[in-house]
Amino acid sequence: MEAKACKLICLLIFFAFITQGYGCDRFSLTLTQSKTGKMVKNKPEWEVRVKNPCTCVFFDIQLSCADFKSVTTIDSSVLSKTGDVCLLMNGQRLDGEEEYVFKYVWDTIFNFKIADSTIACS
């Protein structure tokens, strides 16, 4: 019986840490894309959402973006490309439970992936 109680207490402590943001790591960010329904120069507009599901803060968020193209210009403060990596929001912070959205226009969806990020938990 004592072993079961100990396991239960350990499990509760583990879940308490996760809900406090300690279960997050630098790759906890999620990235989703969808068509907006808008057409620009006969090409679909795509919306990219980068969400921080944690209570921690992320910054210096980098996306893999080799061969990325857009018919519309994307401001460098939104997405700046260096080689095969794009820096999101000039490296600024993405607070906990927030998301950042940007759009691009191209024939097909681009396969963005989170390449790297820095996390700070207080």
PDB file of N, CA and C in Angstrom:
ATOM      1  N   MET A   1       0.820  -1.188   0.000  1.00  0.00           N
ATOM      2  CA  MET A   1       0.000   0.000   0.000  1.00  0.00           C
ATOM      3  C   MET A   1       0.869   1.259   0.000  1.00  0.00           C
ATOM      4  N   GLU A   2       1.973   1.216   0.745  1.00  0.00           N
ATOM      5  CA  GLU A   2       2.868   2.373   0.837  1.00  0.00           C
ATOM      6  C   GLU A   2       3.509   2.669  -0.522  1.00  0.00           C
ATOM      7  N   ALA A   3       3.819   1.643  -1.299  1.00  0.00           N
ATOM      8  CA  ALA A   3       4.403   1.833  -2.628  1.00  0.00           C
ATOM      9  C   ALA A   3       3.419   2.522  -3.565  1.00  0.00           C
ATOM     10  N   LYS A   4       2.139   2.159  -3.483  1.00  0.00           N
ATOM     11  CA  LYS A   4       1.130   2.807  -4.313  1.00  0.00           C
ATOM     12  C   LYS A   4       0.991   4.280  -3.953  1.00  0.00           C
ATOM     13  N   ALA A   5       1.016   4.597  -2.688  1.00  0.00           N
ATOM     14  CA  ALA A   5       0.909   5.989  -2.237  1.00  0.00           C
ATOM     15  C   ALA A   5       2.109   6.793  -2.728  1.00  0.00           C
ATOM     16  N   CYS A   6       3.279   6.202  -2.649  1.00  0.00           N
ATOM     17  CA  CYS A   6       4.496   6.876  -3.115  1.00  0.00           C
ATOM     18  C   CYS A   6       4.423   7.138  -4.618  1.00  0.00           C
ATOM     19  N   LYS A   7       3.975   6.164  -5.393  1.00  0.00           N
ATOM     20  CA  LYS A   7       3.838   6.330  -6.839  1.00  0.00           C
ATOM     21  C   LYS A   7       2.828   7.433  -7.158  1.00  0.00           C
ATOM     22  N   LEU A   8       1.734   7.466  -6.424  1.00  0.00           N
ATOM     23  CA  LEU A   8       0.706   8.481  -6.646  1.00  0.00           C
ATOM     24  C   LEU A   8       1.249   9.872  -6.349  1.00  0.00           C
ATOM     25  N   ILE A   9       1.980  10.013  -5.260  1.00  0.00           N
ATOM     26  CA  ILE A   9       2.565  11.313  -4.912  1.00  0.00           C
ATOM     27  C   ILE A   9       3.571  11.741  -5.974  1.00  0.00           C
ATOM     28  N   CYS A  10       4.408  10.820  -6.419  1.00  0.00           N
ATOM     29  CA  CYS A  10       5.390  11.136  -7.471  1.00  0.00           C
ATOM     30  C   CYS A  10       4.686  11.562  -8.756  1.00  0.00           C
ATOM     31  N   LEU A  11       3.628  10.884  -9.106  1.00  0.00           N
ATOM     32  CA  LEU A  11       2.872  11.216 -10.309  1.00  0.00           C
ATOM     33  C   LEU A  11       2.254  12.607 -10.191  1.00  0.00           C
ATOM     34  N   LEU A  12       1.701  12.930  -9.033  1.00  0.00           N
ATOM     35  CA  LEU A  12       1.114  14.253  -8.815  1.00  0.00           C
ATOM     36  C   LEU A  12       2.174  15.349  -8.910  1.00  0.00           C
ATOM     37  N   ILE A  13       3.333  15.112  -8.350  1.00  0.00           N
ATOM     38  CA  ILE A  13       4.427  16.091  -8.432  1.00  0.00           C
ATOM     39  C   ILE A  13       4.860  16.270  -9.883  1.00  0.00           C
ATOM     40  N   PHE A  14       4.970  15.184 -10.619  1.00  0.00           N
ATOM     41  CA  PHE A  14       5.344  15.244 -12.031  1.00  0.00           C
ATOM     42  C   PHE A  14       4.356  16.108 -12.819  1.00  0.00           C
ATOM     43  N   PHE A  15       3.061  15.872 -12.649  1.00  0.00           N
ATOM     44  CA  PHE A  15       2.054  16.655 -13.367  1.00  0.00           C
ATOM     45  C   PHE A  15       2.044  18.114 -12.913  1.00  0.00           C
ATOM     46  N   ALA A  16       2.357  18.359 -11.659  1.00  0.00           N
ATOM     47  CA  ALA A  16       2.438  19.742 -11.181  1.00  0.00           C
ATOM     48  C   ALA A  16       3.564  20.482 -11.898  1.00  0.00           C
ATOM     49  N   PHE A  17       4.701  19.821 -12.097  1.00  0.00           N
ATOM     50  CA  PHE A  17       5.807  20.447 -12.822  1.00  0.00           C
ATOM     51  C   PHE A  17       5.438  20.717 -14.267  1.00  0.00           C
ATOM     52  N   ILE A  18       4.760  19.790 -14.909  1.00  0.00           N
ATOM     53  CA  ILE A  18       4.370  19.970 -16.310  1.00  0.00           C
ATOM     54  C   ILE A  18       3.435  21.159 -16.452  1.00  0.00           C
ATOM     55  N   THR A  19       2.457  21.270 -15.581  1.00  0.00           N
ATOM     56  CA  THR A  19       1.514  22.376 -15.688  1.00  0.00           C
ATOM     57  C   THR A  19       2.152  23.710 -15.342  1.00  0.00           C
ATOM     58  N   GLN A  20       3.273  23.703 -14.646  1.00  0.00           N
ATOM     59  CA  GLN A  20       3.997  24.936 -14.335  1.00  0.00           C
ATOM     60  C   GLN A  20       4.905  25.353 -15.483  1.00  0.00           C
ATOM     61  N   GLY A  21       5.004  24.545 -16.521  1.00  0.00           N
ATOM     62  CA  GLY A  21       5.849  24.895 -17.653  1.00  0.00           C
ATOM     63  C   GLY A  21       7.171  24.146 -17.656  1.00  0.00           C
ATOM     64  N   TYR A  22       7.465  23.408 -16.620  1.00  0.00           N
ATOM     65  CA  TYR A  22       8.736  22.707 -16.539  1.00  0.00           C
ATOM     66  C   TYR A  22       8.797  21.517 -17.479  1.00  0.00           C
ATOM     67  N   GLY A  23       7.663  21.095 -18.014  1.00  0.00           N
ATOM     68  CA  GLY A  23       7.644  19.984 -18.954  1.00  0.00           C
ATOM     69  C   GLY A  23       7.941  20.435 -20.370  1.00  0.00           C
ATOM     70  N   CYS A  24       8.169  21.719 -20.542  1.00  0.00           N
ATOM     71  CA  CYS A  24       8.439  22.266 -21.872  1.00  0.00           C
ATOM     72  C   CYS A  24       9.929  22.236 -22.160  1.00  0.00           C
ATOM     73  N   ASP A  25      10.240  22.107 -23.421  1.00  0.00           N
ATOM     74  CA  ASP A  25      11.631  22.253 -23.837  1.00  0.00           C
ATOM     75  C   ASP A  25      11.660  23.146 -25.060  1.00  0.00           C
ATOM     76  N   ARG A  26      12.823  23.357 -25.625  1.00  0.00           N
ATOM     77  CA  ARG A  26      12.958  24.336 -26.705  1.00  0.00           C
ATOM     78  C   ARG A  26      12.254  23.910 -27.991  1.00  0.00           C
ATOM     79  N   PHE A  27      11.758  22.701 -28.052  1.00  0.00           N
ATOM     80  CA  PHE A  27      11.038  22.238 -29.239  1.00  0.00           C
ATOM     81  C   PHE A  27       9.541  22.035 -28.969  1.00  0.00           C
ATOM     82  N   SER A  28       9.023  22.634 -27.919  1.00  0.00           N
ATOM     83  CA  SER A  28       7.600  22.490 -27.576  1.00  0.00           C
ATOM     84  C   SER A  28       6.687  23.342 -28.450  1.00  0.00           C
ATOM     85  N   LEU A  29       7.246  24.283 -29.171  1.00  0.00           N
ATOM     86  CA  LEU A  29       6.431  25.129 -30.042  1.00  0.00           C
ATOM     87  C   LEU A  29       5.719  24.282 -31.094  1.00  0.00           C
ATOM     88  N   THR A  30       4.521  24.727 -31.490  1.00  0.00           N
ATOM     89  CA  THR A  30       3.802  24.042 -32.562  1.00  0.00           C
ATOM     90  C   THR A  30       3.670  24.984 -33.752  1.00  0.00           C
ATOM     91  N   LEU A  31       3.680  24.425 -34.931  1.00  0.00           N
ATOM     92  CA  LEU A  31       3.538  25.189 -36.162  1.00  0.00           C
ATOM     93  C   LEU A  31       2.452  24.538 -37.001  1.00  0.00           C
ATOM     94  N   THR A  32       1.442  25.327 -37.360  1.00  0.00           N
ATOM     95  CA  THR A  32       0.375  24.829 -38.220  1.00  0.00           C
ATOM     96  C   THR A  32       0.192  25.802 -39.382  1.00  0.00           C
ATOM     97  N   GLN A  33      -0.311  25.271 -40.491  1.00  0.00           N
ATOM     98  CA  GLN A  33      -0.562  26.087 -41.671  1.00  0.00           C
ATOM     99  C   GLN A  33      -1.915  25.730 -42.264  1.00  0.00           C
ATOM    100  N   SER A  34      -2.526  26.737 -42.874  1.00  0.00           N
ATOM    101  CA  SER A  34      -3.790  26.495 -43.562  1.00  0.00           C
ATOM    102  C   SER A  34      -3.987  27.564 -44.629  1.00  0.00           C
ATOM    103  N   LYS A  35      -4.822  27.245 -45.603  1.00  0.00           N
ATOM    104  CA  LYS A  35      -5.191  28.228 -46.623  1.00  0.00           C
ATOM    105  C   LYS A  35      -6.145  29.236 -45.997  1.00  0.00           C
ATOM    106  N   THR A  36      -5.983  30.497 -46.376  1.00  0.00           N
ATOM    107  CA  THR A  36      -6.887  31.528 -45.870  1.00  0.00           C
ATOM    108  C   THR A  36      -8.151  31.618 -46.710  1.00  0.00           C
ATOM    109  N   GLY A  37      -8.110  31.089 -47.923  1.00  0.00           N
ATOM    110  CA  GLY A  37      -9.229  31.206 -48.848  1.00  0.00           C
ATOM    111  C   GLY A  37      -9.054  32.372 -49.808  1.00  0.00           C
ATOM    112  N   LYS A  38      -8.065  33.197 -49.551  1.00  0.00           N
ATOM    113  CA  LYS A  38      -7.789  34.357 -50.398  1.00  0.00           C
ATOM    114  C   LYS A  38      -6.814  33.955 -51.510  1.00  0.00           C
ATOM    115  N   MET A  39      -7.019  34.497 -52.701  1.00  0.00           N
ATOM    116  CA  MET A  39      -6.114  34.267 -53.827  1.00  0.00           C
ATOM    117  C   MET A  39      -5.407  35.582 -54.152  1.00  0.00           C
ATOM    118  N   VAL A  40      -4.116  35.508 -54.395  1.00  0.00           N
ATOM    119  CA  VAL A  40      -3.312  36.667 -54.784  1.00  0.00           C
ATOM    120  C   VAL A  40      -2.525  36.268 -56.030  1.00  0.00           C
ATOM    121  N   LYS A  41      -2.710  36.997 -57.101  1.00  0.00           N
ATOM    122  CA  LYS A  41      -2.050  36.681 -58.373  1.00  0.00           C
ATOM    123  C   LYS A  41      -2.274  35.223 -58.759  1.00  0.00           C
ATOM    124  N   ASN A  42      -3.507  34.766 -58.592  1.00  0.00           N
ATOM    125  CA  ASN A  42      -3.932  33.401 -58.919  1.00  0.00           C
ATOM    126  C   ASN A  42      -3.221  32.322 -58.114  1.00  0.00           C
ATOM    127  N   LYS A  43      -2.722  32.682 -56.941  1.00  0.00           N
ATOM    128  CA  LYS A  43      -2.086  31.707 -56.048  1.00  0.00           C
ATOM    129  C   LYS A  43      -2.743  31.807 -54.674  1.00  0.00           C
ATOM    130  N   PRO A  44      -2.845  30.680 -53.962  1.00  0.00           N
ATOM    131  CA  PRO A  44      -3.496  30.719 -52.644  1.00  0.00           C
ATOM    132  C   PRO A  44      -2.616  31.387 -51.583  1.00  0.00           C
ATOM    133  N   GLU A  45      -3.286  32.053 -50.662  1.00  0.00           N
ATOM    134  CA  GLU A  45      -2.589  32.633 -49.513  1.00  0.00           C
ATOM    135  C   GLU A  45      -2.605  31.600 -48.387  1.00  0.00           C
ATOM    136  N   TRP A  46      -1.461  31.466 -47.731  1.00  0.00           N
ATOM    137  CA  TRP A  46      -1.297  30.504 -46.643  1.00  0.00           C
ATOM    138  C   TRP A  46      -1.056  31.258 -45.341  1.00  0.00           C
ATOM    139  N   GLU A  47      -1.635  30.757 -44.274  1.00  0.00           N
ATOM    140  CA  GLU A  47      -1.447  31.342 -42.951  1.00  0.00           C
ATOM    141  C   GLU A  47      -0.637  30.376 -42.094  1.00  0.00           C
ATOM    142  N   VAL A  48       0.429  30.892 -41.479  1.00  0.00           N
ATOM    143  CA  VAL A  48       1.294  30.101 -40.614  1.00  0.00           C
ATOM    144  C   VAL A  48       1.071  30.556 -39.180  1.00  0.00           C
ATOM    145  N   ARG A  49       0.843  29.618 -38.287  1.00  0.00           N
ATOM    146  CA  ARG A  49       0.659  29.922 -36.862  1.00  0.00           C
ATOM    147  C   ARG A  49       1.720  29.183 -36.057  1.00  0.00           C
ATOM    148  N   VAL A  50       2.509  29.949 -35.331  1.00  0.00           N
ATOM    149  CA  VAL A  50       3.495  29.372 -34.413  1.00  0.00           C
ATOM    150  C   VAL A  50       2.962  29.633 -33.011  1.00  0.00           C
ATOM    151  N   LYS A  51       2.662  28.565 -32.297  1.00  0.00           N
ATOM    152  CA  LYS A  51       2.031  28.682 -30.974  1.00  0.00           C
ATOM    153  C   LYS A  51       2.966  28.188 -29.884  1.00  0.00           C
ATOM    154  N   ASN A  52       2.959  28.931 -28.793  1.00  0.00           N
ATOM    155  CA  ASN A  52       3.691  28.554 -27.596  1.00  0.00           C
ATOM    156  C   ASN A  52       2.682  27.958 -26.611  1.00  0.00           C
ATOM    157  N   PRO A  53       2.659  26.639 -26.452  1.00  0.00           N
ATOM    158  CA  PRO A  53       1.675  26.017 -25.575  1.00  0.00           C
ATOM    159  C   PRO A  53       2.083  26.033 -24.099  1.00  0.00           C
ATOM    160  N   CYS A  54       3.251  26.579 -23.808  1.00  0.00           N
ATOM    161  CA  CYS A  54       3.817  26.537 -22.458  1.00  0.00           C
ATOM    162  C   CYS A  54       3.599  27.842 -21.717  1.00  0.00           C
ATOM    163  N   THR A  55       3.938  27.838 -20.441  1.00  0.00           N
ATOM    164  CA  THR A  55       3.923  29.074 -19.671  1.00  0.00           C
ATOM    165  C   THR A  55       5.275  29.778 -19.771  1.00  0.00           C
ATOM    166  N   CYS A  56       6.258  29.110 -20.291  1.00  0.00           N
ATOM    167  CA  CYS A  56       7.590  29.684 -20.467  1.00  0.00           C
ATOM    168  C   CYS A  56       7.605  30.609 -21.693  1.00  0.00           C
ATOM    169  N   VAL A  57       8.659  31.394 -21.804  1.00  0.00           N
ATOM    170  CA  VAL A  57       8.837  32.323 -22.918  1.00  0.00           C
ATOM    171  C   VAL A  57       9.829  31.713 -23.908  1.00  0.00           C
ATOM    172  N   PHE A  58       9.524  31.850 -25.201  1.00  0.00           N
ATOM    173  CA  PHE A  58      10.447  31.426 -26.250  1.00  0.00           C
ATOM    174  C   PHE A  58      10.947  32.658 -26.985  1.00  0.00           C
ATOM    175  N   PHE A  59      12.187  32.620 -27.421  1.00  0.00           N
ATOM    176  CA  PHE A  59      12.728  33.673 -28.267  1.00  0.00           C
ATOM    177  C   PHE A  59      13.773  33.066 -29.194  1.00  0.00           C
ATOM    178  N   ASP A  60      14.248  33.871 -30.132  1.00  0.00           N
ATOM    179  CA  ASP A  60      15.168  33.369 -31.173  1.00  0.00           C
ATOM    180  C   ASP A  60      14.595  32.128 -31.857  1.00  0.00           C
ATOM    181  N   ILE A  61      13.344  32.211 -32.255  1.00  0.00           N
ATOM    182  CA  ILE A  61      12.673  31.080 -32.907  1.00  0.00           C
ATOM    183  C   ILE A  61      13.120  31.018 -34.362  1.00  0.00           C
ATOM    184  N   GLN A  62      13.670  29.871 -34.749  1.00  0.00           N
ATOM    185  CA  GLN A  62      14.172  29.677 -36.102  1.00  0.00           C
ATOM    186  C   GLN A  62      13.363  28.591 -36.804  1.00  0.00           C
ATOM    187  N   LEU A  63      13.038  28.861 -38.058  1.00  0.00           N
ATOM    188  CA  LEU A  63      12.312  27.897 -38.883  1.00  0.00           C
ATOM    189  C   LEU A  63      13.210  27.437 -40.017  1.00  0.00           C
ATOM    190  N   SER A  64      13.115  26.167 -40.375  1.00  0.00           N
ATOM    191  CA  SER A  64      13.807  25.701 -41.574  1.00  0.00           C
ATOM    192  C   SER A  64      13.040  26.259 -42.765  1.00  0.00           C
ATOM    193  N   CYS A  65      13.766  26.870 -43.704  1.00  0.00           N
ATOM    194  CA  CYS A  65      13.050  27.516 -44.809  1.00  0.00           C
ATOM    195  C   CYS A  65      13.863  27.506 -46.108  1.00  0.00           C
ATOM    196  N   ALA A  66      14.632  26.448 -46.337  1.00  0.00           N
ATOM    197  CA  ALA A  66      15.382  26.328 -47.588  1.00  0.00           C
ATOM    198  C   ALA A  66      14.401  26.338 -48.756  1.00  0.00           C
ATOM    199  N   ASP A  67      14.679  27.118 -49.763  1.00  0.00           N
ATOM    200  CA  ASP A  67      13.857  27.224 -50.980  1.00  0.00           C
ATOM    201  C   ASP A  67      12.483  27.843 -50.748  1.00  0.00           C
ATOM    202  N   PHE A  68      12.290  28.538 -49.640  1.00  0.00           N
ATOM    203  CA  PHE A  68      11.011  29.202 -49.390  1.00  0.00           C
ATOM    204  C   PHE A  68      10.821  30.351 -50.370  1.00  0.00           C
ATOM    205  N   LYS A  69       9.598  30.450 -50.904  1.00  0.00           N
ATOM    206  CA  LYS A  69       9.251  31.515 -51.844  1.00  0.00           C
ATOM    207  C   LYS A  69       7.857  32.037 -51.510  1.00  0.00           C
ATOM    208  N   SER A  70       7.657  33.309 -51.825  1.00  0.00           N
ATOM    209  CA  SER A  70       6.344  33.918 -51.683  1.00  0.00           C
ATOM    210  C   SER A  70       6.179  34.964 -52.762  1.00  0.00           C
ATOM    211  N   VAL A  71       4.993  35.025 -53.347  1.00  0.00           N
ATOM    212  CA  VAL A  71       4.692  36.033 -54.349  1.00  0.00           C
ATOM    213  C   VAL A  71       4.676  37.417 -53.691  1.00  0.00           C
ATOM    214  N   THR A  72       4.176  37.459 -52.454  1.00  0.00           N
ATOM    215  CA  THR A  72       4.130  38.718 -51.718  1.00  0.00           C
ATOM    216  C   THR A  72       5.394  38.870 -50.881  1.00  0.00           C
ATOM    217  N   THR A  73       5.805  40.097 -50.678  1.00  0.00           N
ATOM    218  CA  THR A  73       6.986  40.377 -49.859  1.00  0.00           C
ATOM    219  C   THR A  73       6.641  40.178 -48.392  1.00  0.00           C
ATOM    220  N   ILE A  74       7.517  39.488 -47.690  1.00  0.00           N
ATOM    221  CA  ILE A  74       7.348  39.312 -46.250  1.00  0.00           C
ATOM    222  C   ILE A  74       8.387  40.187 -45.565  1.00  0.00           C
ATOM    223  N   ASP A  75       7.911  41.088 -44.741  1.00  0.00           N
ATOM    224  CA  ASP A  75       8.787  42.019 -44.043  1.00  0.00           C
ATOM    225  C   ASP A  75       9.840  41.252 -43.244  1.00  0.00           C
ATOM    226  N   SER A  76      11.067  41.731 -43.252  1.00  0.00           N
ATOM    227  CA  SER A  76      12.155  41.044 -42.547  1.00  0.00           C
ATOM    228  C   SER A  76      11.954  41.043 -41.032  1.00  0.00           C
ATOM    229  N   SER A  77      11.107  41.928 -40.507  1.00  0.00           N
ATOM    230  CA  SER A  77      10.813  41.886 -39.073  1.00  0.00           C
ATOM    231  C   SER A  77       9.881  40.726 -38.733  1.00  0.00           C
ATOM    232  N   VAL A  78       9.230  40.182 -39.748  1.00  0.00           N
ATOM    233  CA  VAL A  78       8.353  39.022 -39.574  1.00  0.00           C
ATOM    234  C   VAL A  78       9.155  37.739 -39.750  1.00  0.00           C
ATOM    235  N   LEU A  79       9.912  37.665 -40.848  1.00  0.00           N
ATOM    236  CA  LEU A  79      10.666  36.463 -41.194  1.00  0.00           C
ATOM    237  C   LEU A  79      11.914  36.891 -41.951  1.00  0.00           C
ATOM    238  N   SER A  80      13.072  36.712 -41.345  1.00  0.00           N
ATOM    239  CA  SER A  80      14.316  37.080 -42.021  1.00  0.00           C
ATOM    240  C   SER A  80      15.116  35.818 -42.308  1.00  0.00           C
ATOM    241  N   LYS A  81      15.514  35.674 -43.559  1.00  0.00           N
ATOM    242  CA  LYS A  81      16.174  34.451 -44.015  1.00  0.00           C
ATOM    243  C   LYS A  81      17.691  34.616 -44.059  1.00  0.00           C
ATOM    244  N   THR A  82      18.384  33.638 -43.484  1.00  0.00           N
ATOM    245  CA  THR A  82      19.833  33.538 -43.568  1.00  0.00           C
ATOM    246  C   THR A  82      20.164  32.100 -43.925  1.00  0.00           C
ATOM    247  N   GLY A  83      20.595  31.883 -45.149  1.00  0.00           N
ATOM    248  CA  GLY A  83      20.854  30.514 -45.606  1.00  0.00           C
ATOM    249  C   GLY A  83      19.557  29.733 -45.680  1.00  0.00           C
ATOM    250  N   ASP A  84      19.524  28.599 -45.005  1.00  0.00           N
ATOM    251  CA  ASP A  84      18.345  27.730 -45.010  1.00  0.00           C
ATOM    252  C   ASP A  84      17.464  27.920 -43.774  1.00  0.00           C
ATOM    253  N   VAL A  85      17.760  28.957 -42.977  1.00  0.00           N
ATOM    254  CA  VAL A  85      17.039  29.190 -41.726  1.00  0.00           C
ATOM    255  C   VAL A  85      16.403  30.568 -41.740  1.00  0.00           C
ATOM    256  N   CYS A  86      15.192  30.656 -41.214  1.00  0.00           N
ATOM    257  CA  CYS A  86      14.492  31.935 -41.085  1.00  0.00           C
ATOM    258  C   CYS A  86      14.283  32.247 -39.611  1.00  0.00           C
ATOM    259  N   LEU A  87      14.611  33.475 -39.231  1.00  0.00           N
ATOM    260  CA  LEU A  87      14.387  33.940 -37.868  1.00  0.00           C
ATOM    261  C   LEU A  87      13.014  34.594 -37.806  1.00  0.00           C
ATOM    262  N   LEU A  88      12.213  34.162 -36.872  1.00  0.00           N
ATOM    263  CA  LEU A  88      10.859  34.667 -36.713  1.00  0.00           C
ATOM    264  C   LEU A  88      10.848  35.883 -35.786  1.00  0.00           C
ATOM    265  N   MET A  89      10.161  36.944 -36.163  1.00  0.00           N
ATOM    266  CA  MET A  89       9.929  38.141 -35.339  1.00  0.00           C
ATOM    267  C   MET A  89      11.224  38.795 -34.860  1.00  0.00           C
ATOM    268  N   ASN A  90      12.259  38.783 -35.671  1.00  0.00           N
ATOM    269  CA  ASN A  90      13.555  39.366 -35.271  1.00  0.00           C
ATOM    270  C   ASN A  90      14.093  38.753 -33.983  1.00  0.00           C
ATOM    271  N   GLY A  91      13.687  37.549 -33.662  1.00  0.00           N
ATOM    272  CA  GLY A  91      14.166  36.890 -32.450  1.00  0.00           C
ATOM    273  C   GLY A  91      13.432  37.305 -31.191  1.00  0.00           C
ATOM    274  N   GLN A  92      12.407  38.142 -31.334  1.00  0.00           N
ATOM    275  CA  GLN A  92      11.668  38.623 -30.162  1.00  0.00           C
ATOM    276  C   GLN A  92      10.929  37.490 -29.471  1.00  0.00           C
ATOM    277  N   ARG A  93      10.489  37.761 -28.275  1.00  0.00           N
ATOM    278  CA  ARG A  93       9.864  36.750 -27.425  1.00  0.00           C
ATOM    279  C   ARG A  93       8.441  36.403 -27.867  1.00  0.00           C
ATOM    280  N   LEU A  94       8.118  35.149 -27.655  1.00  0.00           N
ATOM    281  CA  LEU A  94       6.750  34.652 -27.822  1.00  0.00           C
ATOM    282  C   LEU A  94       6.334  34.151 -26.449  1.00  0.00           C
ATOM    283  N   ASP A  95       5.473  34.913 -25.798  1.00  0.00           N
ATOM    284  CA  ASP A  95       5.078  34.599 -24.430  1.00  0.00           C
ATOM    285  C   ASP A  95       4.249  33.331 -24.350  1.00  0.00           C
ATOM    286  N   GLY A  96       4.111  32.825 -23.148  1.00  0.00           N
ATOM    287  CA  GLY A  96       3.355  31.606 -22.904  1.00  0.00           C
ATOM    288  C   GLY A  96       1.915  31.718 -23.340  1.00  0.00           C
ATOM    289  N   GLU A  97       1.415  30.653 -23.950  1.00  0.00           N
ATOM    290  CA  GLU A  97       0.033  30.546 -24.416  1.00  0.00           C
ATOM    291  C   GLU A  97      -0.308  31.554 -25.511  1.00  0.00           C
ATOM    292  N   GLU A  98       0.687  32.122 -26.171  1.00  0.00           N
ATOM    293  CA  GLU A  98       0.440  33.048 -27.273  1.00  0.00           C
ATOM    294  C   GLU A  98       0.855  32.411 -28.588  1.00  0.00           C
ATOM    295  N   GLU A  99       0.421  33.034 -29.678  1.00  0.00           N
ATOM    296  CA  GLU A  99       0.826  32.559 -30.991  1.00  0.00           C
ATOM    297  C   GLU A  99       1.158  33.745 -31.877  1.00  0.00           C
ATOM    298  N   TYR A 100       1.971  33.451 -32.873  1.00  0.00           N
ATOM    299  CA  TYR A 100       2.364  34.455 -33.853  1.00  0.00           C
ATOM    300  C   TYR A 100       1.904  33.963 -35.217  1.00  0.00           C
ATOM    301  N   VAL A 101       1.324  34.869 -35.997  1.00  0.00           N
ATOM    302  CA  VAL A 101       0.747  34.493 -37.286  1.00  0.00           C
ATOM    303  C   VAL A 101       1.371  35.349 -38.383  1.00  0.00           C
ATOM    304  N   PHE A 102       1.746  34.687 -39.479  1.00  0.00           N
ATOM    305  CA  PHE A 102       2.151  35.420 -40.677  1.00  0.00           C
ATOM    306  C   PHE A 102       1.595  34.698 -41.893  1.00  0.00           C
ATOM    307  N   LYS A 103       1.593  35.403 -43.022  1.00  0.00           N
ATOM    308  CA  LYS A 103       1.010  34.851 -44.241  1.00  0.00           C
ATOM    309  C   LYS A 103       1.997  34.944 -45.392  1.00  0.00           C
ATOM    310  N   TYR A 104       1.841  34.025 -46.335  1.00  0.00           N
ATOM    311  CA  TYR A 104       2.615  34.053 -47.566  1.00  0.00           C
ATOM    312  C   TYR A 104       1.732  33.548 -48.698  1.00  0.00           C
ATOM    313  N   VAL A 105       2.168  33.795 -49.920  1.00  0.00           N
ATOM    314  CA  VAL A 105       1.395  33.398 -51.098  1.00  0.00           C
ATOM    315  C   VAL A 105       2.289  32.558 -52.005  1.00  0.00           C
ATOM    316  N   TRP A 106       1.847  31.342 -52.273  1.00  0.00           N
ATOM    317  CA  TRP A 106       2.568  30.453 -53.173  1.00  0.00           C
ATOM    318  C   TRP A 106       1.637  29.357 -53.652  1.00  0.00           C
ATOM    319  N   ASP A 107       2.041  28.654 -54.713  1.00  0.00           N
ATOM    320  CA  ASP A 107       1.188  27.611 -55.297  1.00  0.00           C
ATOM    321  C   ASP A 107       0.838  26.509 -54.305  1.00  0.00           C
ATOM    322  N   THR A 108       1.838  26.088 -53.533  1.00  0.00           N
ATOM    323  CA  THR A 108       1.641  24.975 -52.607  1.00  0.00           C
ATOM    324  C   THR A 108       2.126  25.368 -51.216  1.00  0.00           C
ATOM    325  N   ILE A 109       1.704  24.585 -50.257  1.00  0.00           N
ATOM    326  CA  ILE A 109       2.128  24.809 -48.887  1.00  0.00           C
ATOM    327  C   ILE A 109       3.642  24.566 -48.779  1.00  0.00           C
ATOM    328  N   PHE A 110       4.311  25.399 -47.997  1.00  0.00           N
ATOM    329  CA  PHE A 110       5.744  25.212 -47.775  1.00  0.00           C
ATOM    330  C   PHE A 110       5.929  24.417 -46.485  1.00  0.00           C
ATOM    331  N   ASN A 111       6.888  23.531 -46.469  1.00  0.00           N
ATOM    332  CA  ASN A 111       7.102  22.649 -45.334  1.00  0.00           C
ATOM    333  C   ASN A 111       7.986  23.312 -44.259  1.00  0.00           C
ATOM    334  N   PHE A 112       7.455  24.368 -43.616  1.00  0.00           N
ATOM    335  CA  PHE A 112       8.177  24.986 -42.499  1.00  0.00           C
ATOM    336  C   PHE A 112       8.271  23.996 -41.350  1.00  0.00           C
ATOM    337  N   LYS A 113       9.397  24.051 -40.631  1.00  0.00           N
ATOM    338  CA  LYS A 113       9.571  23.275 -39.399  1.00  0.00           C
ATOM    339  C   LYS A 113      10.309  24.141 -38.409  1.00  0.00           C
ATOM    340  N   ILE A 114      10.041  23.917 -37.127  1.00  0.00           N
ATOM    341  CA  ILE A 114      10.806  24.597 -36.095  1.00  0.00           C
ATOM    342  C   ILE A 114      12.214  24.007 -36.106  1.00  0.00           C
ATOM    343  N   ALA A 115      13.211  24.854 -36.376  1.00  0.00           N
ATOM    344  CA  ALA A 115      14.590  24.386 -36.435  1.00  0.00           C
ATOM    345  C   ALA A 115      15.273  24.515 -35.070  1.00  0.00           C
ATOM    346  N   ASP A 116      14.968  25.607 -34.363  1.00  0.00           N
ATOM    347  CA  ASP A 116      15.603  25.843 -33.074  1.00  0.00           C
ATOM    348  C   ASP A 116      14.872  26.981 -32.366  1.00  0.00           C
ATOM    349  N   SER A 117      15.081  27.080 -31.086  1.00  0.00           N
ATOM    350  CA  SER A 117      14.535  28.179 -30.296  1.00  0.00           C
ATOM    351  C   SER A 117      15.236  28.173 -28.944  1.00  0.00           C
ATOM    352  N   THR A 118      15.062  29.272 -28.231  1.00  0.00           N
ATOM    353  CA  THR A 118      15.589  29.375 -26.875  1.00  0.00           C
ATOM    354  C   THR A 118      14.395  29.543 -25.939  1.00  0.00           C
ATOM    355  N   ILE A 119      14.454  28.876 -24.801  1.00  0.00           N
ATOM    356  CA  ILE A 119      13.342  28.910 -23.850  1.00  0.00           C
ATOM    357  C   ILE A 119      13.839  29.500 -22.533  1.00  0.00           C
ATOM    358  N   ALA A 120      12.973  30.258 -21.891  1.00  0.00           N
ATOM    359  CA  ALA A 120      13.287  30.836 -20.585  1.00  0.00           C
ATOM    360  C   ALA A 120      12.077  30.650 -19.668  1.00  0.00           C
ATOM    361  N   CYS A 121      12.276  29.939 -18.591  1.00  0.00           N
ATOM    362  CA  CYS A 121      11.221  29.734 -17.605  1.00  0.00           C
ATOM    363  C   CYS A 121      11.625  30.417 -16.305  1.00  0.00           C
ATOM    364  N   SER A 122      10.649  31.060 -15.676  1.00  0.00           N
ATOM    365  CA  SER A 122      10.971  31.720 -14.398  1.00  0.00           C
ATOM    366  C   SER A 122      10.310  31.008 -13.247  1.00  0.00           C
TER     367      SER A 122
END
